[in-house]
N, C-alpha and C. Protein backbone atom coordinates (compact mmCIF):
# COMPACT_ATOMS: atom_id res chain seq x y z
N MET A 1 70.32 -71.52 42.64
CA MET A 1 71.38 -70.48 42.40
C MET A 1 71.67 -69.92 43.79
N LYS A 2 73.01 -70.04 44.10
CA LYS A 2 73.43 -69.67 45.39
C LYS A 2 73.41 -68.05 45.44
N THR A 3 72.77 -67.50 46.24
CA THR A 3 72.44 -65.93 46.35
C THR A 3 72.79 -65.35 47.67
N ILE A 4 73.34 -64.28 47.61
CA ILE A 4 73.57 -63.32 48.78
C ILE A 4 72.92 -62.10 48.64
N VAL A 5 72.29 -61.58 49.69
CA VAL A 5 71.77 -60.36 49.82
C VAL A 5 72.52 -59.50 50.92
N ILE A 6 73.06 -58.38 50.48
CA ILE A 6 73.95 -57.69 51.52
C ILE A 6 73.41 -56.24 51.64
N GLY A 7 73.05 -55.92 52.94
CA GLY A 7 72.64 -54.53 53.19
C GLY A 7 74.02 -53.89 53.59
N LEU A 8 74.36 -52.84 52.77
CA LEU A 8 75.51 -52.02 52.99
C LEU A 8 75.27 -50.70 53.64
N GLY A 9 76.15 -50.25 54.43
CA GLY A 9 76.08 -48.88 54.99
C GLY A 9 76.62 -48.94 56.48
N ASN A 10 76.29 -47.81 57.18
CA ASN A 10 76.60 -47.66 58.65
C ASN A 10 75.52 -47.32 59.33
N PRO A 11 75.04 -48.20 60.14
CA PRO A 11 73.87 -48.13 60.90
C PRO A 11 73.86 -47.04 62.06
N ILE A 12 75.16 -46.56 62.36
CA ILE A 12 75.17 -45.52 63.38
C ILE A 12 75.29 -44.25 62.77
N LEU A 13 75.22 -44.08 61.33
CA LEU A 13 75.22 -42.79 60.61
C LEU A 13 73.78 -42.44 60.12
N GLY A 14 72.69 -42.63 60.81
CA GLY A 14 71.40 -42.27 60.48
C GLY A 14 71.11 -42.98 59.01
N ASP A 15 70.60 -42.20 58.12
CA ASP A 15 70.13 -42.58 56.72
C ASP A 15 71.07 -43.57 56.03
N ASP A 16 72.39 -43.44 56.34
CA ASP A 16 73.34 -44.27 55.67
C ASP A 16 73.10 -45.76 56.13
N GLY A 17 72.35 -46.16 57.16
CA GLY A 17 72.09 -47.56 57.57
C GLY A 17 70.85 -48.12 56.90
N VAL A 18 70.42 -47.38 55.88
CA VAL A 18 69.05 -47.94 55.27
C VAL A 18 69.24 -49.28 54.64
N GLY A 19 70.48 -49.61 54.10
CA GLY A 19 70.71 -50.77 53.50
C GLY A 19 70.58 -52.02 54.50
N TRP A 20 71.05 -51.72 55.72
CA TRP A 20 70.92 -52.77 56.77
C TRP A 20 69.46 -53.00 57.01
N ARG A 21 68.69 -51.88 57.27
CA ARG A 21 67.25 -51.93 57.53
C ARG A 21 66.48 -52.85 56.57
N VAL A 22 66.61 -52.57 55.23
CA VAL A 22 65.96 -53.21 54.19
C VAL A 22 66.27 -54.65 54.25
N ALA A 23 67.60 -55.06 54.32
CA ALA A 23 68.08 -56.40 54.52
C ALA A 23 67.52 -57.08 55.55
N GLU A 24 67.30 -56.59 56.82
CA GLU A 24 66.55 -57.17 57.97
C GLU A 24 65.10 -57.30 57.48
N ASN A 25 64.39 -56.45 56.85
CA ASN A 25 62.94 -56.74 56.38
C ASN A 25 63.03 -57.75 55.45
N VAL A 26 63.95 -57.92 54.55
CA VAL A 26 63.92 -58.95 53.49
C VAL A 26 64.04 -60.28 54.20
N ARG A 27 64.92 -60.33 55.26
CA ARG A 27 64.98 -61.66 55.91
C ARG A 27 63.72 -62.11 56.61
N ARG A 28 62.75 -61.16 56.96
CA ARG A 28 61.48 -61.47 57.53
C ARG A 28 60.63 -62.01 56.46
N HIS A 29 60.74 -61.57 55.15
CA HIS A 29 59.85 -61.88 54.14
C HIS A 29 60.13 -63.17 53.39
N ILE A 30 61.45 -63.60 53.51
CA ILE A 30 61.82 -64.66 52.73
C ILE A 30 61.58 -66.05 53.64
N GLU A 31 60.90 -67.01 53.05
CA GLU A 31 60.48 -68.22 53.64
C GLU A 31 61.80 -69.31 53.50
N PRO A 32 62.27 -69.95 54.52
CA PRO A 32 63.18 -70.80 54.16
C PRO A 32 62.91 -71.98 53.40
N SER A 33 63.70 -72.46 52.51
CA SER A 33 63.36 -73.60 51.57
C SER A 33 64.62 -74.28 51.18
N PRO A 34 64.50 -75.66 51.20
CA PRO A 34 65.70 -76.50 50.92
C PRO A 34 66.03 -76.30 49.40
N ASP A 35 65.18 -75.80 48.52
CA ASP A 35 65.45 -75.55 47.18
C ASP A 35 66.23 -74.36 46.88
N ILE A 36 66.10 -73.28 47.80
CA ILE A 36 66.64 -71.99 47.42
C ILE A 36 67.73 -71.74 48.38
N CYS A 37 68.94 -71.37 48.04
CA CYS A 37 70.09 -70.94 48.98
C CYS A 37 70.17 -69.40 48.99
N ILE A 38 69.70 -68.60 49.96
CA ILE A 38 69.78 -67.16 49.98
C ILE A 38 70.47 -66.93 51.31
N ASP A 39 71.63 -66.37 51.29
CA ASP A 39 72.25 -65.74 52.57
C ASP A 39 71.94 -64.22 52.65
N ILE A 40 71.76 -63.90 53.85
CA ILE A 40 71.62 -62.41 54.01
C ILE A 40 72.77 -61.90 55.03
N ASP A 41 73.26 -60.76 54.77
CA ASP A 41 74.46 -60.27 55.49
C ASP A 41 74.34 -58.66 55.55
N TYR A 42 75.11 -58.16 56.48
CA TYR A 42 74.97 -56.72 56.80
C TYR A 42 76.60 -56.42 56.82
N LEU A 43 77.01 -55.38 55.96
CA LEU A 43 78.29 -55.04 56.08
C LEU A 43 78.53 -53.54 55.94
N SER A 44 79.61 -53.09 56.35
CA SER A 44 80.09 -51.66 56.25
C SER A 44 81.22 -51.42 55.51
N LEU A 45 81.61 -51.95 54.34
CA LEU A 45 82.65 -51.90 53.61
C LEU A 45 82.34 -51.94 52.21
N GLY A 46 83.45 -51.79 51.36
CA GLY A 46 83.27 -51.73 49.93
C GLY A 46 84.58 -52.31 49.33
N GLY A 47 84.61 -52.11 48.00
CA GLY A 47 85.87 -52.46 47.21
C GLY A 47 86.38 -53.86 47.41
N ILE A 48 87.50 -54.20 47.72
CA ILE A 48 88.11 -55.39 47.76
C ILE A 48 87.54 -56.14 48.85
N SER A 49 87.34 -55.62 50.06
CA SER A 49 86.79 -56.31 51.16
C SER A 49 85.37 -56.75 50.81
N LEU A 50 84.58 -56.02 50.05
CA LEU A 50 83.16 -56.56 49.71
C LEU A 50 83.32 -57.57 48.62
N MET A 51 84.25 -57.38 47.74
CA MET A 51 84.46 -58.47 46.70
C MET A 51 84.58 -59.87 47.26
N GLU A 52 85.59 -59.83 48.37
CA GLU A 52 85.91 -61.13 49.00
C GLU A 52 84.60 -61.73 49.58
N HIS A 53 83.67 -61.02 49.94
CA HIS A 53 82.43 -61.55 50.58
C HIS A 53 81.52 -62.26 49.40
N LEU A 54 81.73 -61.86 48.23
CA LEU A 54 81.00 -62.32 47.07
C LEU A 54 81.53 -63.65 46.51
N ILE A 55 82.73 -64.10 46.81
CA ILE A 55 83.23 -65.31 46.30
C ILE A 55 82.47 -66.53 46.75
N GLY A 56 82.16 -67.27 45.55
CA GLY A 56 81.32 -68.47 45.69
C GLY A 56 79.85 -68.30 45.48
N TYR A 57 79.43 -67.04 45.24
CA TYR A 57 78.00 -66.84 45.05
C TYR A 57 77.80 -66.56 43.50
N GLU A 58 76.50 -67.06 43.11
CA GLU A 58 76.27 -67.05 41.74
C GLU A 58 75.47 -65.72 41.47
N ARG A 59 74.92 -65.27 42.44
CA ARG A 59 74.07 -63.97 42.38
C ARG A 59 74.07 -63.12 43.68
N VAL A 60 74.06 -61.87 43.37
CA VAL A 60 74.15 -60.90 44.73
C VAL A 60 73.15 -59.83 44.41
N ILE A 61 72.72 -59.33 45.45
CA ILE A 61 71.86 -58.14 45.62
C ILE A 61 72.35 -57.32 46.64
N LEU A 62 72.90 -56.11 46.17
CA LEU A 62 73.36 -55.18 47.29
C LEU A 62 72.39 -54.15 47.43
N ILE A 63 72.15 -53.83 48.73
CA ILE A 63 71.21 -52.74 49.02
C ILE A 63 71.94 -51.54 49.76
N ASP A 64 71.98 -50.33 49.32
CA ASP A 64 72.90 -49.38 49.89
C ASP A 64 72.25 -47.91 49.61
N ALA A 65 72.59 -47.01 50.45
CA ALA A 65 72.15 -45.70 50.33
C ALA A 65 73.10 -44.97 49.20
N PHE A 66 72.58 -43.94 48.50
CA PHE A 66 73.45 -43.31 47.57
C PHE A 66 73.06 -41.71 47.62
N PHE A 67 73.96 -40.91 47.37
CA PHE A 67 73.73 -39.35 47.30
C PHE A 67 73.43 -39.12 45.88
N SER A 68 72.32 -38.18 45.75
CA SER A 68 71.96 -37.78 44.29
C SER A 68 71.08 -36.51 44.54
N ASP A 69 70.81 -36.02 43.33
CA ASP A 69 69.87 -34.84 43.46
C ASP A 69 68.38 -35.29 43.49
N GLN A 70 68.19 -36.66 43.45
CA GLN A 70 66.86 -37.12 43.58
C GLN A 70 66.35 -36.92 44.93
N GLU A 71 65.02 -36.96 45.14
CA GLU A 71 64.41 -36.82 46.52
C GLU A 71 64.83 -37.97 47.37
N PRO A 72 65.12 -37.60 48.55
CA PRO A 72 65.47 -38.62 49.81
C PRO A 72 64.32 -39.74 49.63
N GLY A 73 64.76 -40.99 49.50
CA GLY A 73 63.77 -42.00 49.59
C GLY A 73 63.58 -42.53 48.06
N SER A 74 64.02 -41.90 47.21
CA SER A 74 63.85 -42.39 45.80
C SER A 74 64.69 -43.71 45.64
N ILE A 75 64.27 -44.60 44.80
CA ILE A 75 64.88 -45.95 44.69
C ILE A 75 65.29 -46.16 43.33
N MET A 76 66.58 -46.55 43.18
CA MET A 76 67.22 -46.81 41.96
C MET A 76 67.50 -48.31 41.98
N VAL A 77 67.27 -49.07 40.74
CA VAL A 77 67.61 -50.41 40.60
C VAL A 77 68.40 -50.53 39.48
N SER A 78 69.64 -51.18 39.60
CA SER A 78 70.59 -51.31 38.53
C SER A 78 71.47 -52.43 38.56
N THR A 79 72.22 -52.75 37.62
CA THR A 79 73.30 -53.69 37.62
C THR A 79 74.57 -53.07 38.19
N LEU A 80 75.70 -53.82 38.55
CA LEU A 80 76.79 -53.25 38.97
C LEU A 80 77.52 -52.53 37.73
N ASP A 81 77.24 -53.13 36.53
CA ASP A 81 77.91 -52.35 35.26
C ASP A 81 77.03 -51.22 34.98
N GLY A 82 75.86 -50.99 35.43
CA GLY A 82 74.99 -49.86 35.22
C GLY A 82 75.32 -48.68 36.00
N ILE A 83 76.13 -48.74 37.10
CA ILE A 83 76.50 -47.55 37.92
C ILE A 83 77.81 -47.10 37.60
N PRO A 84 78.12 -45.84 37.77
CA PRO A 84 79.54 -45.28 37.55
C PRO A 84 80.67 -45.94 38.23
N ASN A 85 81.64 -46.17 37.62
CA ASN A 85 82.95 -46.65 38.30
C ASN A 85 83.71 -45.53 38.87
N TYR A 86 83.26 -45.02 40.14
CA TYR A 86 83.89 -43.82 40.58
C TYR A 86 85.45 -43.73 40.73
N SER A 87 86.09 -45.00 40.87
CA SER A 87 87.53 -44.93 41.08
C SER A 87 88.15 -44.45 39.94
N GLY A 88 87.42 -44.47 38.71
CA GLY A 88 87.95 -43.97 37.36
C GLY A 88 88.04 -42.54 37.45
N PHE A 89 87.42 -41.84 38.37
CA PHE A 89 87.42 -40.48 38.62
C PHE A 89 88.28 -40.11 39.74
N HIS A 90 89.07 -40.90 40.30
CA HIS A 90 89.92 -40.79 41.36
C HIS A 90 89.27 -40.31 42.71
N ILE A 91 88.12 -40.62 43.02
CA ILE A 91 87.42 -40.09 44.18
C ILE A 91 87.19 -41.13 45.22
N THR A 92 87.74 -42.29 45.23
CA THR A 92 87.77 -43.40 46.16
C THR A 92 88.98 -43.28 47.05
N SER A 93 88.98 -44.01 48.07
CA SER A 93 90.09 -44.06 48.94
C SER A 93 91.34 -44.51 48.19
N ALA A 94 92.50 -43.95 48.64
CA ALA A 94 93.77 -44.36 47.97
C ALA A 94 94.17 -45.80 48.47
N HIS A 95 93.44 -46.41 49.40
CA HIS A 95 93.87 -47.61 50.09
C HIS A 95 92.87 -48.75 49.47
N ASP A 96 91.97 -48.34 48.50
CA ASP A 96 91.01 -49.34 48.04
C ASP A 96 90.61 -49.00 46.64
N THR A 97 89.78 -49.67 46.08
CA THR A 97 89.19 -49.34 44.69
C THR A 97 87.74 -49.57 44.77
N SER A 98 87.06 -49.34 43.49
CA SER A 98 85.69 -49.55 43.42
C SER A 98 85.36 -51.09 43.44
N LEU A 99 84.09 -51.50 43.51
CA LEU A 99 83.61 -52.84 43.52
C LEU A 99 84.10 -53.14 42.18
N GLN A 100 83.69 -52.55 41.05
CA GLN A 100 83.94 -52.91 39.73
C GLN A 100 85.24 -53.27 39.55
N ASN A 101 86.29 -52.59 40.03
CA ASN A 101 87.64 -52.79 39.84
C ASN A 101 88.04 -54.02 40.68
N ALA A 102 87.49 -54.04 41.83
CA ALA A 102 87.87 -55.30 42.70
C ALA A 102 87.30 -56.64 42.15
N MET A 103 86.17 -56.67 41.42
CA MET A 103 85.60 -57.71 40.73
C MET A 103 86.50 -58.20 39.69
N LYS A 104 86.84 -57.23 38.80
CA LYS A 104 87.83 -57.59 37.67
C LYS A 104 89.07 -58.13 38.19
N LEU A 105 89.61 -57.52 39.27
CA LEU A 105 90.89 -58.05 39.90
C LEU A 105 90.74 -59.48 40.35
N GLY A 106 89.60 -59.72 41.17
CA GLY A 106 89.30 -61.06 41.69
C GLY A 106 89.21 -61.97 40.67
N THR A 107 88.43 -61.72 39.59
CA THR A 107 88.19 -62.61 38.35
C THR A 107 89.59 -62.95 37.75
N GLU A 108 90.31 -61.93 37.62
CA GLU A 108 91.76 -62.20 36.85
C GLU A 108 92.57 -63.09 37.90
N LEU A 109 92.54 -63.15 39.18
CA LEU A 109 93.14 -63.86 40.12
C LEU A 109 92.48 -65.17 40.30
N GLY A 110 91.40 -65.61 39.72
CA GLY A 110 90.78 -66.94 39.67
C GLY A 110 89.74 -66.96 40.78
N ALA A 111 89.17 -65.99 41.38
CA ALA A 111 88.11 -66.14 42.29
C ALA A 111 86.79 -66.34 41.52
N GLN A 112 85.99 -67.34 42.23
CA GLN A 112 84.63 -67.54 41.53
C GLN A 112 83.70 -66.43 41.99
N LEU A 113 83.53 -65.43 41.15
CA LEU A 113 82.68 -64.24 41.51
C LEU A 113 81.40 -64.40 40.58
N PRO A 114 80.31 -63.80 41.20
CA PRO A 114 78.93 -63.78 40.39
C PRO A 114 79.08 -62.92 39.28
N ASP A 115 78.35 -63.24 38.20
CA ASP A 115 78.13 -62.44 36.92
C ASP A 115 76.88 -61.50 37.23
N ASP A 116 75.98 -62.04 38.21
CA ASP A 116 74.67 -61.36 38.34
C ASP A 116 74.78 -60.63 39.61
N VAL A 117 75.02 -59.22 39.52
CA VAL A 117 75.11 -58.39 40.71
C VAL A 117 74.18 -57.26 40.42
N SER A 118 73.09 -57.23 41.35
CA SER A 118 71.96 -56.21 41.18
C SER A 118 72.22 -55.29 42.31
N ILE A 119 71.93 -53.97 42.19
CA ILE A 119 72.11 -52.94 43.10
C ILE A 119 70.59 -52.26 43.37
N VAL A 120 70.33 -52.20 44.65
CA VAL A 120 68.96 -51.50 45.01
C VAL A 120 69.46 -50.22 45.82
N GLY A 121 69.51 -49.18 45.20
CA GLY A 121 69.97 -47.89 46.05
C GLY A 121 68.81 -46.97 46.48
N ILE A 122 68.93 -46.52 47.58
CA ILE A 122 67.92 -45.49 48.35
C ILE A 122 68.54 -44.19 48.37
N SER A 123 68.03 -43.15 47.69
CA SER A 123 68.72 -41.88 47.78
C SER A 123 68.62 -41.10 49.06
N ILE A 124 69.70 -40.73 49.67
CA ILE A 124 69.81 -39.98 50.77
C ILE A 124 70.52 -38.71 50.73
N LYS A 125 70.45 -37.77 51.55
CA LYS A 125 71.17 -36.52 51.78
C LYS A 125 72.37 -36.96 52.37
N PRO A 126 73.60 -36.21 52.22
CA PRO A 126 74.85 -36.49 53.03
C PRO A 126 74.53 -36.52 54.36
N VAL A 127 75.17 -37.45 55.21
CA VAL A 127 75.05 -37.68 56.61
C VAL A 127 76.28 -37.13 57.34
N TYR A 128 76.02 -36.30 58.32
CA TYR A 128 77.30 -35.78 58.93
C TYR A 128 77.27 -35.97 60.50
N ASP A 129 76.09 -36.57 61.07
CA ASP A 129 76.08 -36.75 62.40
C ASP A 129 75.75 -38.21 62.69
N PHE A 130 76.31 -38.63 63.87
CA PHE A 130 75.95 -39.99 64.29
C PHE A 130 74.56 -40.02 64.85
N GLY A 131 73.88 -41.27 64.66
CA GLY A 131 72.53 -41.46 65.02
C GLY A 131 72.03 -42.75 64.46
N LEU A 132 71.09 -43.33 65.31
CA LEU A 132 70.46 -44.69 64.85
C LEU A 132 69.13 -44.36 64.08
N GLU A 133 68.67 -43.23 64.18
CA GLU A 133 67.30 -42.94 63.58
C GLU A 133 67.37 -42.56 62.01
N LEU A 134 66.33 -43.12 61.32
CA LEU A 134 66.28 -42.80 59.94
C LEU A 134 65.26 -41.53 59.74
N SER A 135 65.56 -40.77 58.79
CA SER A 135 64.58 -39.75 58.48
C SER A 135 63.30 -40.13 57.91
N PRO A 136 62.18 -39.46 58.04
CA PRO A 136 60.85 -39.97 57.54
C PRO A 136 60.85 -40.38 56.11
N PRO A 137 61.56 -39.55 55.10
CA PRO A 137 61.29 -40.24 53.74
C PRO A 137 62.10 -41.52 53.56
N ILE A 138 63.21 -41.72 54.34
CA ILE A 138 63.91 -43.01 54.14
C ILE A 138 63.19 -44.14 54.88
N LEU A 139 62.51 -43.83 56.06
CA LEU A 139 61.62 -44.86 56.64
C LEU A 139 60.57 -45.21 55.73
N GLU A 140 59.94 -44.36 54.98
CA GLU A 140 58.91 -44.48 54.01
C GLU A 140 59.31 -45.45 52.88
N ALA A 141 60.65 -45.27 52.44
CA ALA A 141 61.18 -46.03 51.31
C ALA A 141 61.54 -47.59 51.62
N ILE A 142 61.67 -47.92 52.85
CA ILE A 142 61.96 -49.22 53.27
C ILE A 142 60.97 -50.25 52.81
N PRO A 143 59.75 -50.19 52.92
CA PRO A 143 58.83 -51.28 52.36
C PRO A 143 58.83 -51.51 50.82
N LYS A 144 58.94 -50.34 50.05
CA LYS A 144 59.04 -50.40 48.78
C LYS A 144 60.51 -51.12 48.27
N ALA A 145 61.55 -50.64 48.95
CA ALA A 145 62.71 -51.27 48.66
C ALA A 145 62.76 -52.81 49.09
N THR A 146 62.24 -53.04 50.06
CA THR A 146 62.13 -54.56 50.54
C THR A 146 61.40 -55.32 49.45
N GLN A 147 60.25 -54.78 49.07
CA GLN A 147 59.34 -55.51 48.01
C GLN A 147 60.22 -55.66 46.69
N ILE A 148 61.02 -54.83 46.30
CA ILE A 148 61.78 -54.84 45.14
C ILE A 148 62.84 -56.01 45.38
N VAL A 149 63.54 -56.07 46.36
CA VAL A 149 64.48 -56.98 46.72
C VAL A 149 63.70 -58.48 46.73
N VAL A 150 62.53 -58.55 47.41
CA VAL A 150 61.89 -59.79 47.51
C VAL A 150 61.50 -60.34 46.12
N ASP A 151 61.00 -59.27 45.29
CA ASP A 151 60.59 -59.66 43.92
C ASP A 151 61.80 -60.21 43.19
N LEU A 152 62.87 -59.60 43.25
CA LEU A 152 64.17 -59.92 42.47
C LEU A 152 64.45 -61.40 43.11
N LEU A 153 64.30 -61.75 44.27
CA LEU A 153 64.58 -63.08 44.69
C LEU A 153 63.55 -64.03 44.36
N THR A 154 62.41 -63.76 44.52
CA THR A 154 61.26 -64.80 44.45
C THR A 154 60.83 -65.05 42.86
N GLN A 155 60.99 -63.93 42.17
CA GLN A 155 60.64 -64.04 40.78
C GLN A 155 61.69 -64.30 39.85
N ASN A 156 62.83 -64.38 40.39
CA ASN A 156 64.27 -64.68 39.80
C ASN A 156 64.32 -63.68 38.62
N ILE A 157 64.07 -62.42 38.93
CA ILE A 157 64.17 -61.42 38.04
C ILE A 157 65.60 -60.99 37.78
N THR A 158 66.07 -60.66 36.67
CA THR A 158 67.40 -60.07 36.54
C THR A 158 67.22 -58.63 35.87
N ILE A 159 68.16 -57.89 36.35
CA ILE A 159 68.11 -56.47 35.88
C ILE A 159 69.08 -56.27 34.67
N HIS A 160 68.60 -55.66 33.66
CA HIS A 160 69.51 -55.40 32.44
C HIS A 160 69.89 -53.95 32.39
């Protein structure tokens, strides 16, 4: 199964870069194998641009920071269908759309897109300052989030 793991976020916005850091750790934990095709990428985009990176894959694991009332460092695992489609509430950019809407559009236009999209999210507080450092609760969450992604890959677990 052709799989891509994508660390999302902005690494110069402190805790928002946690997706990249987890993806870097996943790369170190996955043994190369001729039987398994796993690509790992790091991106700072969403919506239509992100959808374009998913074309041709059967399975995707997205790792990203998210804002919530949960404690920073809390980890959420879901499917793409299991998270809110925020563009339905008109809070995304007027120049783009949600990943859910982009996937629907891509499918309607004939793009080969994955049905299996898992999300591993790490709760953070809003980031207002530039910086490369992660806060202590986010640093502590990286090993657990890494293990979740490795388990999803190596045990071929799917999220429902």
